[in-house]
Amino acid sequence: MSILQHKSPASTPVKNPRDTPWFSWLTKTLAASTGRAGHGVAALAILAAVGTTSPAFAQGPPAGPPPVTVATPVSRSVPQWDEHTARIEPLARVEIRPRVSGQVMEVHFRDGAPVRAGDLLFTLDQRPFQIAVATARAEVARNEARVNVAEQQVNRYAPLVAQRFSSEADMDNRRSTLREAQAGLAAVRASLRQAELDLEFSEIRAPRDGRVSDRRVDAGNLVQQGTTLMTTLVALDQVYAVFDASEAQYLRYARAAAGGMRPGGAQDGTPVQLRLLDETEFSRGGQLDFVDSVFDARSGTIRGRAVVQNPGFLLVPGSFARLRLFVGDSTSLLVPDSAILADQGGRMVLTVNEQGVVAPKPVQLGALVDGLRVIRSGLTPQDRVIIGGLHRARPGTPVTAQAGRIGPAPLASAD
């Protein structure tokens, strides 16, 4: 019985290349050129090659499992940081209100401009205050004259009383008049200082360096002493980064160092790092300066605060940032960041087990250190992590593991 009789119905017979239209055309074309010198031999060689070629011969031997590069995680001591979402708050916030009542005559700043301490912001109508100063000075001069007269009376009556030409009662009256004149002089001098202070308060100046908001009153408006809000000023050379830590985090900090995360103890000046939402690196540094004394009863968190330098005033109060709090150094496992994959369940890495089969492992990630990602959980030091050829690895499929190393060149060639 022939082989064709035992062929499976699902199989397809291999078509002979000589029966194709292309082969017929090639035969006619080469036959026409056989009369030319040197072309006959080439034509016969091409026909022989085509005739002896078959699909079975072209397929070659079957391929083995795809190769991948594997390496065990790097174990070394790295600084540990805990990340929090921080709110930016000003180091100081001042509401500019007038200390005297009056009419605004001039505004001296541009809305939103940075100012220095002592810069003039508003000027009130100074004429009433100048009149009050002049009146107070006149009262001072009047009372000084009264004191001079009283002193002369006392000096004149002193020898008369000593010679018994005047009574002691007259001398007592003269001395009482002198003391009253001196007290009156002190009172009007105080009134003069108050009038001069009111005149000074008619010029409203910045109490410290910072950035002012927009004006709330324009020239010509009447403002009331201590009531009218004219503008606000925030200090931005340094800012607060306020965050909330959970009870578990606080207890871990407290056990890691005596005094916990509270400044003034062993962790005074605990370093923090900050980055804005559009930044990838924690390039801004600061120090922890305050931890609240109680946990919030509703959220179960405790409030912490760090001081961060703000060159260029880029950190704006009310914005949010990512903050890293230094916890300490600990031994951790690290793998190349390129070996981390993501799926709907979270982050994972692909490993090769003892049977040479790809096995995914979910992991919890830490910080990026020198191009390597800290693995907080999910891996052991003996796991063989795929660091090269990830595009050829599929979970549950066999692969050929080639030893590599994790270092300055994570995708090192096999040893």
Protein backbone atom coordinates (compact mmCIF):
# COMPACT_ATOMS: atom_id res chain seq x y z
CA MET A 1 0.00 0.00 0.00
CA SER A 2 1.39 3.41 -0.90
CA ILE A 3 2.10 6.19 1.55
CA LEU A 4 -0.67 8.32 0.07
CA GLN A 5 -3.26 5.80 1.12
CA HIS A 6 -2.26 6.24 4.80
CA LYS A 7 -2.16 10.06 4.66
CA SER A 8 -4.38 11.87 7.15
CA PRO A 9 -7.44 13.59 5.59
CA ALA A 10 -6.46 16.83 7.36
CA SER A 11 -3.01 16.97 5.74
CA THR A 12 -2.37 18.98 2.57
CA PRO A 13 -0.26 17.48 -0.29
CA VAL A 14 2.95 19.31 -1.11
CA LYS A 15 2.73 20.95 -4.53
CA ASN A 16 5.59 20.31 -6.92
CA PRO A 17 7.33 23.58 -7.86
CA ARG A 18 7.57 22.38 -11.51
CA ASP A 19 3.78 22.58 -11.79
CA THR A 20 3.59 26.30 -10.94
CA PRO A 21 3.09 29.02 -13.59
CA TRP A 22 6.21 30.77 -12.40
CA PHE A 23 8.33 27.69 -13.16
CA SER A 24 6.87 27.44 -16.69
CA TRP A 25 7.69 31.08 -17.39
CA LEU A 26 11.21 30.67 -16.03
CA THR A 27 11.75 27.58 -18.25
CA LYS A 28 10.70 29.41 -21.40
CA THR A 29 12.79 32.46 -20.56
CA LEU A 30 15.94 30.50 -19.83
CA ALA A 31 15.42 28.27 -22.88
CA ALA A 32 15.42 31.35 -25.08
CA SER A 33 18.73 32.39 -23.64
CA THR A 34 20.51 29.03 -23.99
CA GLY A 35 21.86 30.04 -27.33
CA ARG A 36 23.87 32.85 -25.75
CA ALA A 37 27.36 32.15 -24.52
CA GLY A 38 27.67 31.46 -20.84
CA HIS A 39 23.93 31.45 -20.15
CA GLY A 40 23.13 27.80 -20.79
CA VAL A 41 25.03 26.48 -17.81
CA ALA A 42 23.50 29.10 -15.48
CA ALA A 43 19.99 28.28 -16.69
CA LEU A 44 20.43 24.57 -16.09
CA ALA A 45 21.85 25.26 -12.61
CA ILE A 46 18.85 27.42 -11.67
CA LEU A 47 16.36 24.84 -12.94
CA ALA A 48 18.10 22.07 -11.05
CA ALA A 49 18.10 24.08 -7.86
CA VAL A 50 14.41 24.94 -8.17
CA GLY A 51 13.44 21.40 -8.98
CA THR A 52 15.21 19.88 -6.02
CA THR A 53 13.97 22.44 -3.51
CA SER A 54 11.03 21.38 -1.33
CA PRO A 55 9.27 22.97 1.64
CA ALA A 56 10.32 20.12 3.88
CA PHE A 57 13.98 20.71 3.03
CA ALA A 58 13.72 24.51 3.65
CA GLN A 59 12.15 24.26 7.11
CA GLY A 60 15.28 22.96 8.87
CA PRO A 61 15.42 21.40 12.36
CA PRO A 62 12.88 22.56 15.04
CA ALA A 63 14.01 25.44 17.38
CA GLY A 64 14.52 24.94 21.17
CA PRO A 65 13.30 27.10 24.12
CA PRO A 66 14.12 30.81 23.67
CA PRO A 67 17.17 32.12 25.56
CA VAL A 68 16.86 34.67 28.35
CA THR A 69 19.39 36.30 30.70
CA VAL A 70 18.83 35.74 34.41
CA ALA A 71 20.54 36.96 37.59
CA THR A 72 19.89 36.86 41.32
CA PRO A 73 18.89 40.15 43.02
CA VAL A 74 21.62 42.37 44.39
CA SER A 75 21.63 42.55 48.21
CA ARG A 76 23.13 45.67 49.79
CA SER A 77 22.46 48.34 52.39
CA VAL A 78 20.45 51.24 51.05
CA PRO A 79 18.81 54.24 52.73
CA GLN A 80 15.12 53.72 53.36
CA TRP A 81 12.62 56.49 52.67
CA ASP A 82 8.89 56.62 53.27
CA GLU A 83 6.88 58.66 50.77
CA HIS A 84 3.99 60.92 51.70
CA THR A 85 1.82 63.48 49.95
CA ALA A 86 2.70 66.89 51.38
CA ARG A 87 0.86 70.21 51.30
CA ILE A 88 2.92 73.34 50.82
CA GLU A 89 2.21 76.05 53.39
CA PRO A 90 3.91 79.42 53.89
CA LEU A 91 6.44 79.84 56.65
CA ALA A 92 4.57 82.98 57.69
CA ARG A 93 1.33 84.56 56.55
CA VAL A 94 0.54 88.18 57.40
CA GLU A 95 -2.73 90.02 56.86
CA ILE A 96 -1.99 93.67 56.13
CA ARG A 97 -4.53 95.82 57.98
CA PRO A 98 -4.25 99.56 58.77
CA ARG A 99 -3.25 100.58 62.30
CA VAL A 100 -4.99 103.94 61.86
CA SER A 101 -8.16 104.95 60.06
CA GLY A 102 -8.03 107.18 57.01
CA GLN A 103 -8.29 107.51 53.27
CA VAL A 104 -5.95 105.62 50.96
CA MET A 105 -3.98 108.08 48.89
CA GLU A 106 -1.57 105.84 46.98
CA VAL A 107 -0.73 102.16 46.37
CA HIS A 108 2.99 101.53 45.95
CA PHE A 109 3.26 97.86 44.95
CA ARG A 110 2.38 95.67 42.01
CA ASP A 111 -0.03 92.83 42.68
CA GLY A 112 1.80 89.56 43.38
CA ALA A 113 5.24 91.18 43.51
CA PRO A 114 8.00 90.14 45.94
CA VAL A 115 8.77 92.77 48.57
CA ARG A 116 11.44 93.36 51.18
CA ALA A 117 10.89 94.20 54.82
CA GLY A 118 10.14 97.92 55.16
CA ASP A 119 8.95 98.44 51.57
CA LEU A 120 6.11 100.98 51.32
CA LEU A 121 2.79 99.37 50.36
CA PHE A 122 0.08 101.99 51.01
CA THR A 123 -0.01 105.65 51.97
CA LEU A 124 -2.99 107.13 53.82
CA ASP A 125 -3.93 110.80 53.91
CA GLN A 126 -1.30 112.20 56.29
CA ARG A 127 -2.71 115.69 56.80
CA PRO A 128 -4.86 114.87 59.86
CA PHE A 129 -1.93 113.12 61.50
CA GLN A 130 0.45 115.98 60.71
CA ILE A 131 -2.00 118.39 62.36
CA ALA A 132 -2.18 116.11 65.39
CA VAL A 133 1.62 116.09 65.64
CA ALA A 134 1.77 119.87 65.43
CA THR A 135 -0.91 120.22 68.12
CA ALA A 136 0.91 117.82 70.39
CA ARG A 137 4.18 119.72 69.96
CA ALA A 138 2.43 122.96 70.89
CA GLU A 139 1.05 121.34 74.02
CA VAL A 140 4.54 120.17 74.91
CA ALA A 141 5.87 123.70 74.57
CA ARG A 142 3.05 125.10 76.73
CA ASN A 143 3.66 122.59 79.50
CA GLU A 144 7.39 123.13 79.37
CA ALA A 145 6.72 126.83 80.04
CA ARG A 146 4.52 125.94 83.01
CA VAL A 147 7.26 123.74 84.42
CA ASN A 148 9.79 126.55 84.06
CA VAL A 149 7.53 128.99 85.91
CA ALA A 150 6.85 126.46 88.65
CA GLU A 151 10.56 125.75 89.07
CA GLN A 152 11.29 129.49 89.34
CA GLN A 153 8.57 129.88 92.00
CA VAL A 154 10.05 127.07 94.07
CA ASN A 155 13.57 128.47 93.76
CA ARG A 156 12.36 131.95 94.70
CA TYR A 157 10.44 130.84 97.77
CA ALA A 158 13.11 128.50 99.13
CA PRO A 159 15.30 131.28 100.74
CA LEU A 160 12.22 133.15 101.99
CA VAL A 161 11.03 130.10 103.85
CA ALA A 162 14.51 129.58 105.24
CA GLN A 163 14.55 133.20 106.64
CA ARG A 164 11.00 132.86 107.95
CA PHE A 165 9.67 135.48 105.55
CA SER A 166 7.22 132.95 104.02
CA SER A 167 5.27 130.07 105.48
CA GLU A 168 5.86 126.37 104.82
CA ALA A 169 2.33 126.12 103.41
CA ASP A 170 3.19 128.53 100.59
CA MET A 171 6.27 126.47 99.81
CA ASP A 172 4.20 123.28 99.70
CA ASN A 173 1.80 124.90 97.23
CA ARG A 174 4.68 125.95 94.99
CA ARG A 175 6.13 122.44 95.02
CA SER A 176 2.73 120.91 94.24
CA THR A 177 2.31 123.25 91.32
CA LEU A 178 5.73 122.19 90.01
CA ARG A 179 4.89 118.49 90.23
CA GLU A 180 1.59 119.05 88.42
CA ALA A 181 3.37 120.95 85.65
CA GLN A 182 5.93 118.17 85.30
CA ALA A 183 3.19 115.53 85.11
CA GLY A 184 1.33 117.55 82.51
CA LEU A 185 4.52 117.83 80.48
CA ALA A 186 5.02 114.06 80.59
CA ALA A 187 1.42 113.53 79.44
CA VAL A 188 1.66 115.83 76.44
CA ARG A 189 5.03 114.34 75.49
CA ALA A 190 3.33 110.93 75.43
CA SER A 191 0.57 112.43 73.28
CA LEU A 192 3.23 113.75 70.93
CA ARG A 193 4.80 110.31 70.61
CA GLN A 194 1.38 108.82 69.89
CA ALA A 195 0.67 111.45 67.23
CA GLU A 196 4.07 110.80 65.62
CA LEU A 197 3.38 107.06 65.72
CA ASP A 198 -0.01 107.57 64.04
CA LEU A 199 1.71 109.64 61.38
CA GLU A 200 4.18 106.79 60.86
CA PHE A 201 1.32 104.29 60.69
CA SER A 202 -0.21 106.29 57.85
CA GLU A 203 2.56 104.73 55.74
CA ILE A 204 1.78 101.00 55.63
CA ARG A 205 4.97 99.00 55.07
CA ALA A 206 5.83 95.33 54.60
CA PRO A 207 6.61 93.76 57.99
CA ARG A 208 8.97 91.13 56.47
CA ASP A 209 10.30 89.73 53.22
CA GLY A 210 7.83 87.81 51.08
CA ARG A 211 5.35 88.06 48.26
CA VAL A 212 2.20 90.16 48.43
CA SER A 213 -1.18 89.16 47.09
CA ASP A 214 -3.43 91.47 45.12
CA ARG A 215 -4.66 94.76 46.60
CA ARG A 216 -8.03 94.63 48.31
CA VAL A 217 -8.52 98.41 48.35
CA ASP A 218 -7.65 101.08 45.83
CA ALA A 219 -6.69 104.72 46.25
CA GLY A 220 -9.57 106.85 47.47
CA ASN A 221 -11.17 104.25 49.74
CA LEU A 222 -11.62 104.77 53.45
CA VAL A 223 -10.08 102.10 55.66
CA GLN A 224 -10.87 101.34 59.27
CA GLN A 225 -8.20 100.82 61.89
CA GLY A 226 -7.56 97.09 62.50
CA THR A 227 -10.58 96.05 60.42
CA THR A 228 -10.07 96.57 56.69
CA LEU A 229 -8.00 93.88 54.97
CA MET A 230 -5.77 95.66 52.48
CA THR A 231 -3.67 92.71 51.20
CA THR A 232 -1.84 89.62 52.44
CA LEU A 233 1.85 88.76 52.52
CA VAL A 234 3.42 85.29 52.67
CA ALA A 235 7.04 84.45 53.43
CA LEU A 236 8.34 82.20 50.66
CA ASP A 237 12.13 82.05 51.10
CA GLN A 238 11.34 78.94 53.14
CA VAL A 239 8.09 76.97 53.15
CA TYR A 240 6.48 74.26 55.24
CA ALA A 241 5.77 70.82 53.78
CA VAL A 242 2.99 69.37 55.92
CA PHE A 243 2.13 65.66 55.74
CA ASP A 244 0.20 63.03 57.67
CA ALA A 245 1.80 59.80 58.90
CA SER A 246 -0.19 56.75 59.92
CA GLU A 247 0.00 55.29 63.39
CA ALA A 248 1.92 52.28 62.09
CA GLN A 249 4.49 54.52 60.41
CA TYR A 250 4.91 56.64 63.52
CA LEU A 251 5.44 53.56 65.69
CA ARG A 252 8.05 52.28 63.25
CA TYR A 253 9.85 55.62 63.40
CA ALA A 254 9.64 55.64 67.18
CA ARG A 255 11.19 52.20 67.45
CA ALA A 256 13.85 52.95 64.85
CA ALA A 257 15.25 55.83 66.94
CA ALA A 258 14.74 57.04 70.50
CA GLY A 259 12.29 59.90 70.61
CA GLY A 260 10.55 58.80 67.42
CA MET A 261 10.23 61.35 64.66
CA ARG A 262 9.77 64.22 67.09
CA PRO A 263 12.40 66.99 66.75
CA GLY A 264 14.34 67.76 69.88
CA GLY A 265 15.11 64.09 70.50
CA ALA A 266 17.46 61.73 68.75
CA GLN A 267 15.86 62.50 65.38
CA ASP A 268 16.23 66.26 65.52
CA GLY A 269 16.72 67.48 61.97
CA THR A 270 15.55 64.27 60.25
CA PRO A 271 16.22 64.85 56.55
CA VAL A 272 13.42 64.93 54.00
CA GLN A 273 13.39 65.20 50.23
CA LEU A 274 10.76 66.81 48.06
CA ARG A 275 9.70 66.80 44.42
CA LEU A 276 6.87 68.52 42.60
CA LEU A 277 4.22 66.62 40.66
CA ASP A 278 5.91 67.27 37.30
CA GLU A 279 9.39 66.29 38.53
CA THR A 280 10.94 62.82 38.51
CA GLU A 281 13.78 63.35 41.00
CA PHE A 282 13.68 64.32 44.68
CA SER A 283 16.00 67.28 44.17
CA ARG A 284 14.80 69.51 47.04
CA GLY A 285 16.04 68.94 50.57
CA GLY A 286 14.76 69.96 53.97
CA GLN A 287 14.50 68.96 57.60
CA LEU A 288 11.70 67.78 59.85
CA ASP A 289 11.00 70.48 62.44
CA PHE A 290 7.64 69.63 64.05
CA VAL A 291 5.45 66.64 64.87
CA ASP A 292 2.05 67.08 66.43
CA SER A 293 1.47 65.93 70.00
CA VAL A 294 -1.72 63.93 69.33
CA PHE A 295 -3.23 61.70 66.65
CA ASP A 296 -6.22 62.95 64.75
CA ALA A 297 -9.21 61.07 66.16
CA ARG A 298 -11.03 60.94 62.80
CA SER A 299 -8.23 59.89 60.46
CA GLY A 300 -5.90 58.12 62.89
CA THR A 301 -2.89 60.03 61.55
CA ILE A 302 -0.40 62.38 63.10
CA ARG A 303 0.72 65.62 61.46
CA GLY A 304 4.35 66.27 60.64
CA ARG A 305 6.00 69.36 59.20
CA ALA A 306 9.29 69.95 57.42
CA VAL A 307 11.07 73.17 56.47
CA VAL A 308 12.21 73.30 52.84
CA GLN A 309 14.24 75.98 51.11
CA ASN A 310 12.40 77.69 48.25
CA PRO A 311 14.81 79.40 45.86
CA GLY A 312 12.97 81.10 43.05
CA PHE A 313 9.63 80.89 44.92
CA LEU A 314 8.64 77.83 42.87
CA LEU A 315 6.96 76.14 45.84
CA VAL A 316 3.62 77.91 46.09
CA PRO A 317 1.45 77.61 49.21
CA GLY A 318 -1.61 75.47 48.60
CA SER A 319 0.10 73.15 46.10
CA PHE A 320 0.95 69.49 46.65
CA ALA A 321 4.24 67.62 46.39
CA ARG A 322 5.71 64.21 47.10
CA LEU A 323 7.82 64.04 50.25
CA ARG A 324 10.30 61.37 51.31
CA LEU A 325 11.12 60.95 55.00
CA PHE A 326 14.40 59.26 55.88
CA VAL A 327 13.83 56.12 57.99
CA GLY A 328 17.31 54.59 58.14
CA ASP A 329 19.66 52.21 56.34
CA SER A 330 18.69 48.56 55.84
CA THR A 331 19.69 45.63 53.67
CA SER A 332 17.44 45.33 50.61
CA LEU A 333 17.18 43.40 47.36
CA LEU A 334 17.57 45.36 44.12
CA VAL A 335 16.83 44.52 40.49
CA PRO A 336 17.04 46.59 37.29
CA ASP A 337 14.10 48.89 36.87
CA SER A 338 13.71 47.55 33.31
CA ALA A 339 12.92 44.08 34.75
CA ILE A 340 9.74 45.39 36.43
CA LEU A 341 6.50 44.59 34.63
CA ALA A 342 2.98 45.80 35.31
CA ASP A 343 -0.40 44.12 35.03
CA GLN A 344 -3.86 44.71 36.43
CA GLY A 345 -2.83 43.22 39.77
CA GLY A 346 0.18 45.51 40.26
CA ARG A 347 3.91 45.17 39.69
CA MET A 348 5.76 41.90 39.09
CA VAL A 349 9.02 40.39 37.86
CA LEU A 350 9.54 37.25 35.78
CA THR A 351 11.70 34.50 37.25
CA VAL A 352 12.91 31.10 36.04
CA ASN A 353 12.23 28.21 38.40
CA GLU A 354 14.23 25.00 38.78
CA GLN A 355 12.35 23.35 35.90
CA GLY A 356 13.37 26.16 33.54
CA VAL A 357 9.84 27.55 33.32
CA VAL A 358 8.97 31.24 33.51
CA ALA A 359 7.19 32.08 36.80
CA PRO A 360 5.83 35.60 37.54
CA LYS A 361 6.18 36.96 41.07
CA PRO A 362 4.24 39.99 42.40
CA VAL A 363 6.48 42.45 44.20
CA GLN A 364 6.24 45.64 46.23
CA LEU A 365 8.57 48.35 44.99
CA GLY A 366 10.70 50.83 46.84
CA ALA A 367 12.88 53.71 45.75
CA LEU A 368 15.15 53.85 42.71
CA VAL A 369 18.81 53.64 43.77
CA ASP A 370 21.58 54.01 41.16
CA GLY A 371 19.31 52.73 38.39
CA LEU A 372 18.18 49.71 40.43
CA ARG A 373 14.74 49.33 41.99
CA VAL A 374 14.44 48.36 45.65
CA ILE A 375 12.17 45.33 46.15
CA ARG A 376 10.46 45.54 49.51
CA SER A 377 8.75 42.15 49.31
CA GLY A 378 8.02 39.33 46.88
CA LEU A 379 11.56 38.11 46.09
CA THR A 380 14.21 36.01 47.80
CA PRO A 381 17.99 36.25 47.30
CA GLN A 382 17.93 32.89 45.45
CA ASP A 383 15.35 33.86 42.82
CA ARG A 384 16.62 33.96 39.24
CA VAL A 385 15.16 37.15 37.79
CA ILE A 386 14.93 37.61 34.03
CA ILE A 387 16.87 40.77 33.20
CA GLY A 388 17.33 40.21 29.47
CA GLY A 389 15.12 38.82 26.72
CA LEU A 390 11.86 39.72 28.42
CA HIS A 391 10.13 39.89 25.06
CA ARG A 392 10.83 36.14 24.60
CA ALA A 393 9.57 35.11 28.05
CA ARG A 394 5.96 34.08 28.62
CA PRO A 395 4.65 32.90 31.99
CA GLY A 396 4.39 29.11 32.09
CA THR A 397 6.63 28.50 29.06
CA PRO A 398 10.11 26.90 29.15
CA VAL A 399 13.16 29.04 28.43
CA THR A 400 16.91 28.60 28.25
CA ALA A 401 18.39 30.51 31.19
CA GLN A 402 21.75 32.17 30.57
CA ALA A 403 23.63 33.51 33.58
CA GLY A 404 24.08 37.26 33.74
CA ARG A 405 24.86 39.85 36.39
CA ILE A 406 23.23 42.95 37.82
CA GLY A 407 25.54 45.94 37.97
CA PRO A 408 26.45 49.06 36.01
CA ALA A 409 25.33 47.19 32.87
CA PRO A 410 22.18 45.33 33.98
CA LEU A 411 21.79 43.49 30.67
CA ALA A 412 25.22 41.88 30.80
CA SER A 413 26.00 39.03 28.50
CA ALA A 414 25.93 35.46 29.73
CA ASP A 415 29.02 34.29 31.58
